Amino acid sequence: MAFIKKIIGLCILLAIAGGGYFMYWSQNPIIPGDAEAIDFVITPGSGAHAAGQQIAEAGVPIQPLLFNLLARATGKSSKLKAGSYELKPGSTPLRLIDQLARGEFAQEQLTIIEGWTFRQMRAAIAAHKGLKHDTVALTDKEVLGAIASDYKEPEGLFFPDTYLFAKGASDLQIYKQAHVMMLTRLADAWAKRDPALPYKSPYEALTMASIVEKETGQKSERSMIAGVFVNRLKLGMLLQTDPTVIYGMGLKYDGKIRKKDLETDTPYNTYTRAGLPPTPIALPGVQSLMAALSPARTAALYFVSKGNGTSQFSDNLNDHNRAVNQYQR
C-alpha cells in the first residue's frame, strides 16, 4: 500500500513538473531576440498536429507534440488558418498559436512610383520575390482581362502607392488593387471637377494628369502646368509637350530628345498632332489628378524650365521667347 502511495505521489509530482515545464515553455521565446525571422507555410486542411510538423520542418525549433497540446489547451486547434507566416524573434508558442488563429500572415509590400509607365510597374511586380507570378506570360491586354477591366490599354490605369499583401499572394492582387484604387481616385476627382474643363471623359482627364505628372517634379507647379495645357486645349493650340514625344518613341528613347524626334509623327507627338494623346503616358499620382481636374485659373500659355526645378510661365509668345533666352540659351 505504501508503495502504491509512493507511485501515486511520484506521478503527481511528475504531472506538476510536466505542467510547470509546459507553462514555462509556452510563455518563453521560441527563438532569441537577436535571431533572424523564420518563414513557414501552413497548407490548407492542416490540423494542429500537421501544422506543428510543417512549422518544425521549416526550421522552427518547436516540438510538434507540444504545439498540438497547446493548440488544444487554448481551444484554438480548429481555428488555425492556412497561409504564409513569419515567426519573429521573441515570439512565444502562445503568441504563435494566436498568430495562426488570427491569420496574421507574413506581410510583404510593393511600392509603385508616381510617374512610372505600366512597363516599369510590370517589371517591378515581376521582380518581387514575395509574390506568386501569375501574369508573367500574359500580355498587357490579357492582364486587363484577368482583372476584369473594361479598358483596352493599361497605361495610366493603376494608382501609384505602397501595397501590402500576404507573402505568396498572386500578383493579380496588386494589379486589381491598384486598378480599383485609380478608378476610385479618378471618379472622386471627376465629381469635383470644374465644369468648364475641355475634357469629354474621365479618361481624358487621366491622360492630362499623366502629362502633368511627367512635366514636373514640383508639386506646387502642377496646377499651373495643368492650367497652361487646359488653356491650349480650349484655344486649339498644340500642347507641344516633350514627355508625350518621349513616350511615343518607346525603347528608341536614349535619354535625349532631338529636333528630328519632335518632327517625327507618332500618335503621341503633341508637336505634330492636336489635342490629347490617345492614352495616358504614365501613372499619375493624386496631386496630378487634382491638378488636371482643378487647374489654376491663369492666362498663361507657355512655360519654360529655369534650370533649378521650377518654371517660368508666360501669357504670350514674346514673353516666352525672352524667358527661353534667359533660362535656356
Protein backbone atom coordinates (compact mmCIF):
# COMPACT_ATOMS: atom_id res chain seq x y z
CA MET A 1 0.00 0.00 0.00
CA ALA A 2 2.83 2.34 0.90
CA PHE A 3 4.47 1.52 -2.43
CA ILE A 4 1.30 2.41 -4.34
CA LYS A 5 1.08 5.71 -2.46
CA LYS A 6 4.67 6.46 -3.42
CA ILE A 7 3.93 5.72 -7.09
CA ILE A 8 0.85 7.94 -7.00
CA GLY A 9 2.79 10.70 -5.28
CA LEU A 10 5.58 10.43 -7.87
CA CYS A 11 3.04 10.61 -10.70
CA ILE A 12 1.54 13.71 -9.13
CA LEU A 13 4.97 15.30 -8.82
CA LEU A 14 5.79 14.41 -12.42
CA ALA A 15 2.47 15.85 -13.56
CA ILE A 16 3.10 19.04 -11.64
CA ALA A 17 6.64 19.24 -13.00
CA GLY A 18 5.43 18.49 -16.51
CA GLY A 19 2.68 21.06 -16.24
CA GLY A 20 5.15 23.59 -14.92
CA TYR A 21 7.52 22.93 -17.79
CA PHE A 22 4.63 23.14 -20.28
CA MET A 23 3.61 26.53 -18.91
CA TYR A 24 7.23 27.71 -18.89
CA TRP A 25 7.72 26.51 -22.49
CA SER A 26 4.52 28.12 -23.76
CA GLN A 27 5.46 31.55 -22.47
CA ASN A 28 9.12 31.75 -23.46
CA PRO A 29 10.62 32.80 -26.82
CA ILE A 30 10.98 30.09 -29.42
CA ILE A 31 13.97 31.84 -30.96
CA PRO A 32 16.05 34.55 -29.24
CA GLY A 33 15.56 38.24 -29.95
CA ASP A 34 18.80 38.56 -31.92
CA ALA A 35 17.97 35.72 -34.32
CA GLU A 36 16.52 36.07 -37.82
CA ALA A 37 12.83 35.60 -38.53
CA ILE A 38 11.78 32.22 -39.94
CA ASP A 39 9.25 31.83 -42.75
CA PHE A 40 6.88 28.88 -42.87
CA VAL A 41 3.70 27.83 -44.66
CA ILE A 42 0.62 26.06 -43.30
CA THR A 43 -1.11 24.16 -46.10
CA PRO A 44 -4.91 24.15 -46.46
CA GLY A 45 -6.68 21.43 -44.47
CA SER A 46 -3.91 21.08 -41.88
CA GLY A 47 -4.90 20.27 -38.33
CA ALA A 48 -2.89 21.30 -35.28
CA HIS A 49 -0.63 18.24 -35.44
CA ALA A 50 0.14 18.68 -39.17
CA ALA A 51 0.66 22.41 -38.67
CA GLY A 52 3.17 21.71 -35.89
CA GLN A 53 5.07 19.34 -38.17
CA GLN A 54 5.14 21.86 -41.04
CA ILE A 55 6.41 24.57 -38.71
CA ALA A 56 9.17 22.31 -37.38
CA GLU A 57 10.15 21.18 -40.89
CA ALA A 58 10.56 24.85 -41.89
CA GLY A 59 13.31 25.18 -39.29
CA VAL A 60 11.36 26.48 -36.31
CA PRO A 61 12.76 24.81 -33.15
CA ILE A 62 9.44 23.59 -31.80
CA GLN A 63 8.10 20.16 -30.75
CA PRO A 64 5.01 19.29 -32.86
CA LEU A 65 3.55 17.29 -29.97
CA LEU A 66 3.78 20.21 -27.53
CA PHE A 67 2.46 22.56 -30.21
CA ASN A 68 -0.53 20.28 -30.75
CA LEU A 69 -1.19 20.06 -26.99
CA LEU A 70 -1.01 23.84 -26.62
CA ALA A 71 -3.37 24.41 -29.56
CA ARG A 72 -5.88 22.07 -27.94
CA ALA A 73 -5.39 23.51 -24.45
CA THR A 74 -6.12 27.03 -25.72
CA GLY A 75 -9.17 25.87 -27.68
CA LYS A 76 -7.67 27.06 -30.98
CA SER A 77 -6.70 23.78 -32.63
CA SER A 78 -9.61 24.03 -35.10
CA LYS A 79 -9.05 27.73 -35.79
CA LEU A 80 -5.55 27.63 -37.30
CA LYS A 81 -5.58 29.24 -40.74
CA ALA A 82 -3.60 28.13 -43.76
CA GLY A 83 -1.19 30.61 -45.31
CA SER A 84 2.32 32.03 -45.32
CA TYR A 85 3.69 33.18 -41.98
CA GLU A 86 6.77 34.67 -40.40
CA LEU A 87 7.92 33.74 -36.90
CA LYS A 88 9.57 36.84 -35.47
CA PRO A 89 12.35 36.70 -32.87
CA GLY A 90 10.97 36.76 -29.33
CA SER A 91 7.65 35.13 -30.25
CA THR A 92 6.40 32.55 -27.76
CA PRO A 93 4.43 29.37 -28.54
CA LEU A 94 1.32 31.07 -27.17
CA ARG A 95 1.90 34.02 -29.48
CA LEU A 96 2.50 31.62 -32.38
CA ILE A 97 -0.82 29.86 -31.76
CA ASP A 98 -2.59 33.21 -31.58
CA GLN A 99 -0.89 34.36 -34.80
CA LEU A 100 -2.14 31.30 -36.69
CA ALA A 101 -5.64 31.52 -35.21
CA ARG A 102 -5.93 35.18 -36.23
CA GLY A 103 -4.47 34.55 -39.67
CA GLU A 104 -1.72 37.13 -39.22
CA PHE A 105 0.05 36.24 -42.43
CA ALA A 106 3.57 37.33 -43.31
CA GLN A 107 3.27 40.80 -44.82
CA GLU A 108 5.13 41.99 -47.88
CA GLN A 109 4.94 45.35 -49.58
CA LEU A 110 5.47 46.79 -53.03
CA THR A 111 5.72 50.48 -53.88
CA ILE A 112 4.54 51.69 -57.28
CA ILE A 113 6.15 55.05 -58.04
CA GLU A 114 4.30 58.09 -59.39
CA GLY A 115 5.29 58.72 -62.98
CA TRP A 116 6.20 55.12 -63.75
CA THR A 117 4.96 53.67 -67.01
CA PHE A 118 2.94 50.47 -66.95
CA ARG A 119 6.01 48.69 -68.33
CA GLN A 120 8.03 49.80 -65.31
CA MET A 121 5.23 48.72 -62.99
CA ARG A 122 5.13 45.26 -64.58
CA ALA A 123 8.91 44.92 -64.22
CA ALA A 124 8.78 45.80 -60.51
CA ILE A 125 5.96 43.33 -59.87
CA ALA A 126 7.73 40.58 -61.81
CA ALA A 127 10.91 41.14 -59.79
CA HIS A 128 9.23 40.95 -56.37
CA LYS A 129 10.14 37.65 -54.70
CA GLY A 130 7.22 37.76 -52.26
CA LEU A 131 4.59 37.42 -54.99
CA LYS A 132 3.24 34.44 -56.88
CA HIS A 133 3.76 35.42 -60.51
CA ASP A 134 0.59 34.50 -62.38
CA THR A 135 0.86 37.22 -65.05
CA VAL A 136 4.42 36.85 -66.35
CA ALA A 137 3.30 35.14 -69.56
CA LEU A 138 0.30 37.43 -70.10
CA THR A 139 0.19 40.36 -72.49
CA ASP A 140 -0.82 43.78 -71.20
CA LYS A 141 -4.32 43.34 -72.57
CA GLU A 142 -4.57 39.89 -71.01
CA VAL A 143 -3.65 41.38 -67.64
CA LEU A 144 -6.56 43.81 -68.02
CA GLY A 145 -8.82 40.93 -68.88
CA ALA A 146 -7.65 38.93 -65.87
CA ILE A 147 -8.68 41.75 -63.51
CA ALA A 148 -11.98 42.27 -65.35
CA SER A 149 -11.15 45.79 -66.52
CA ASP A 150 -13.35 47.48 -69.13
CA TYR A 151 -10.35 49.30 -70.65
CA LYS A 152 -8.35 48.21 -73.68
CA GLU A 153 -4.99 49.79 -72.83
CA PRO A 154 -3.39 49.63 -69.35
CA GLU A 155 -1.29 52.81 -69.30
CA GLY A 156 -2.22 55.20 -66.50
CA LEU A 157 -4.91 52.96 -65.04
CA PHE A 158 -3.07 51.87 -61.89
CA PHE A 159 -2.67 54.06 -58.83
CA PRO A 160 0.90 54.59 -57.60
CA ASP A 161 1.06 53.73 -53.89
CA THR A 162 2.53 51.22 -51.43
CA TYR A 163 0.55 47.98 -51.36
CA LEU A 164 0.65 45.37 -48.57
CA PHE A 165 -0.05 41.72 -49.24
CA ALA A 166 0.44 38.29 -47.74
CA LYS A 167 3.66 36.59 -48.80
CA GLY A 168 2.94 34.29 -51.70
CA ALA A 169 -0.14 36.22 -52.87
CA SER A 170 -0.89 36.33 -56.59
CA ASP A 171 0.48 39.34 -58.45
CA LEU A 172 -3.04 39.75 -59.85
CA GLN A 173 -3.99 41.03 -56.39
CA ILE A 174 -1.65 44.02 -56.82
CA TYR A 175 -2.95 44.80 -60.31
CA LYS A 176 -6.54 44.58 -59.11
CA GLN A 177 -5.98 46.75 -56.03
CA ALA A 178 -4.05 49.40 -57.95
CA HIS A 179 -6.63 49.47 -60.75
CA VAL A 180 -9.60 49.80 -58.42
CA MET A 181 -7.80 52.49 -56.45
CA MET A 182 -7.07 54.53 -59.60
CA LEU A 183 -10.66 54.30 -60.80
CA THR A 184 -11.87 55.36 -57.35
CA ARG A 185 -9.48 58.33 -57.16
CA LEU A 186 -10.34 59.37 -60.70
CA ALA A 187 -14.08 59.20 -60.04
CA ASP A 188 -13.69 61.30 -56.89
CA ALA A 189 -11.67 63.96 -58.71
CA TRP A 190 -14.03 63.93 -61.70
CA ALA A 191 -17.04 64.52 -59.44
CA LYS A 192 -15.36 67.69 -58.11
CA ARG A 193 -14.15 68.99 -61.47
CA ASP A 194 -14.52 72.46 -62.87
CA PRO A 195 -17.45 72.18 -65.33
CA ALA A 196 -15.69 74.46 -67.79
CA LEU A 197 -12.89 71.97 -68.41
CA PRO A 198 -12.50 70.74 -72.03
CA TYR A 199 -12.43 67.01 -71.19
CA LYS A 200 -15.02 64.74 -72.76
CA SER A 201 -14.49 61.91 -70.27
CA PRO A 202 -12.67 60.96 -67.06
CA TYR A 203 -10.20 59.06 -69.25
CA GLU A 204 -9.16 62.29 -70.99
CA ALA A 205 -8.65 63.87 -67.58
CA LEU A 206 -6.49 60.90 -66.61
CA THR A 207 -4.44 61.43 -69.76
CA MET A 208 -3.91 65.08 -68.86
CA ALA A 209 -2.94 64.10 -65.30
CA SER A 210 -0.27 61.75 -66.67
CA ILE A 211 1.21 64.57 -68.75
CA VAL A 212 1.27 66.88 -65.75
CA GLU A 213 2.93 64.11 -63.74
CA LYS A 214 5.76 63.80 -66.26
CA GLU A 215 6.19 67.53 -66.89
CA THR A 216 7.29 68.49 -63.38
CA GLY A 217 8.52 67.10 -60.10
CA GLN A 218 7.45 70.31 -58.36
CA LYS A 219 4.15 69.64 -56.63
CA SER A 220 3.49 73.37 -56.30
CA GLU A 221 3.61 73.86 -60.09
CA ARG A 222 1.32 71.04 -61.18
CA SER A 223 -1.82 73.14 -61.03
CA MET A 224 -0.23 75.91 -63.12
CA ILE A 225 1.07 73.48 -65.73
CA ALA A 226 -2.36 71.89 -65.98
CA GLY A 227 -3.78 75.40 -66.40
CA VAL A 228 -1.45 76.08 -69.33
CA PHE A 229 -2.40 72.86 -71.10
CA VAL A 230 -6.11 73.43 -70.49
CA ASN A 231 -5.80 76.91 -71.98
CA ARG A 232 -4.08 75.45 -75.04
CA LEU A 233 -6.79 72.81 -75.48
CA LYS A 234 -9.51 75.45 -75.31
CA LEU A 235 -7.77 77.58 -77.96
CA GLY A 236 -6.99 74.64 -80.23
CA MET A 237 -3.24 75.12 -79.79
CA LEU A 238 -0.83 72.20 -79.94
CA LEU A 239 0.17 71.00 -76.47
CA GLN A 240 3.83 70.65 -77.56
CA THR A 241 4.92 68.69 -74.51
CA ASP A 242 8.13 66.65 -74.67
CA PRO A 243 7.05 63.78 -72.36
CA THR A 244 4.41 62.68 -74.87
CA VAL A 245 7.00 62.63 -77.64
CA ILE A 246 9.34 60.58 -75.47
CA TYR A 247 6.56 58.12 -74.68
CA GLY A 248 5.81 57.74 -78.37
CA MET A 249 9.47 56.96 -79.06
CA GLY A 250 9.27 53.94 -76.78
CA LEU A 251 12.51 52.00 -76.44
CA LYS A 252 14.17 54.24 -79.03
CA TYR A 253 14.49 56.99 -76.44
CA ASP A 254 18.12 57.14 -75.25
CA GLY A 255 17.81 59.94 -72.70
CA LYS A 256 17.98 62.76 -75.23
CA ILE A 257 15.25 64.35 -77.34
CA ARG A 258 16.32 65.88 -80.65
CA LYS A 259 14.70 68.19 -83.21
CA LYS A 260 14.04 65.26 -85.53
CA ASP A 261 12.20 63.50 -82.71
CA LEU A 262 9.90 66.49 -82.34
CA GLU A 263 9.23 66.40 -86.08
CA THR A 264 8.68 62.65 -86.37
CA ASP A 265 4.96 61.99 -86.25
CA THR A 266 3.58 59.39 -83.85
CA PRO A 267 0.17 59.14 -82.17
CA TYR A 268 1.82 60.67 -79.08
CA ASN A 269 3.68 63.55 -80.75
CA THR A 270 1.85 66.63 -79.49
CA TYR A 271 4.07 68.81 -81.72
CA THR A 272 2.53 67.24 -84.83
CA ARG A 273 -0.94 66.28 -83.57
CA ALA A 274 -3.57 68.43 -81.91
CA GLY A 275 -5.34 67.56 -78.70
CA LEU A 276 -4.52 64.93 -76.10
CA PRO A 277 -2.61 61.75 -76.97
CA PRO A 278 -4.69 58.56 -77.32
CA THR A 279 -3.82 57.20 -73.87
CA PRO A 280 -2.12 58.36 -70.68
CA ILE A 281 1.68 58.26 -70.76
CA ALA A 282 2.37 57.30 -67.13
CA LEU A 283 0.79 56.51 -63.78
CA PRO A 284 -0.26 59.84 -62.24
CA GLY A 285 -0.46 60.41 -58.51
CA VAL A 286 -3.35 62.01 -56.68
CA GLN A 287 -1.88 65.53 -56.86
CA SER A 288 -1.60 65.35 -60.64
CA LEU A 289 -5.17 64.08 -60.83
CA MET A 290 -6.36 67.00 -58.75
CA ALA A 291 -4.30 69.44 -60.82
CA ALA A 292 -5.79 68.14 -64.07
CA LEU A 293 -9.33 68.45 -62.74
CA SER A 294 -8.83 71.64 -60.71
CA PRO A 295 -6.20 73.55 -62.71
CA ALA A 296 -5.02 77.02 -61.81
CA ARG A 297 -7.05 79.87 -63.29
CA THR A 298 -4.34 81.52 -65.34
CA ALA A 299 -3.85 83.30 -68.65
CA ALA A 300 -0.50 81.55 -69.18
CA LEU A 301 0.02 79.67 -72.43
CA TYR A 302 3.71 78.87 -72.14
CA PHE A 303 6.28 77.75 -69.60
CA VAL A 304 9.99 77.04 -69.67
CA SER A 305 12.30 75.43 -67.13
CA LYS A 306 14.51 77.79 -65.19
CA GLY A 307 17.07 75.05 -64.67
CA ASN A 308 16.50 74.87 -60.94
CA GLY A 309 13.46 72.61 -60.93
CA THR A 310 10.95 75.45 -61.31
CA SER A 311 9.34 77.03 -64.37
CA GLN A 312 8.77 80.50 -65.80
CA PHE A 313 5.19 80.97 -67.04
CA SER A 314 4.25 83.43 -69.78
CA ASP A 315 0.96 84.71 -71.19
CA ASN A 316 2.27 85.45 -74.71
CA LEU A 317 4.92 84.27 -77.14
CA ASN A 318 7.16 87.35 -76.85
CA ASP A 319 7.48 86.95 -73.09
CA HIS A 320 8.03 83.23 -73.54
CA ASN A 321 10.84 83.78 -76.05
CA ARG A 322 12.53 86.20 -73.66
CA ALA A 323 12.24 83.60 -70.89
CA VAL A 324 13.75 80.94 -73.17
CA ASN A 325 16.66 83.23 -73.98
CA GLN A 326 17.18 83.97 -70.31
CA TYR A 327 16.95 80.45 -68.92
CA GLN A 328 17.81 78.12 -71.80
CA ARG A 329 20.25 79.92 -74.08
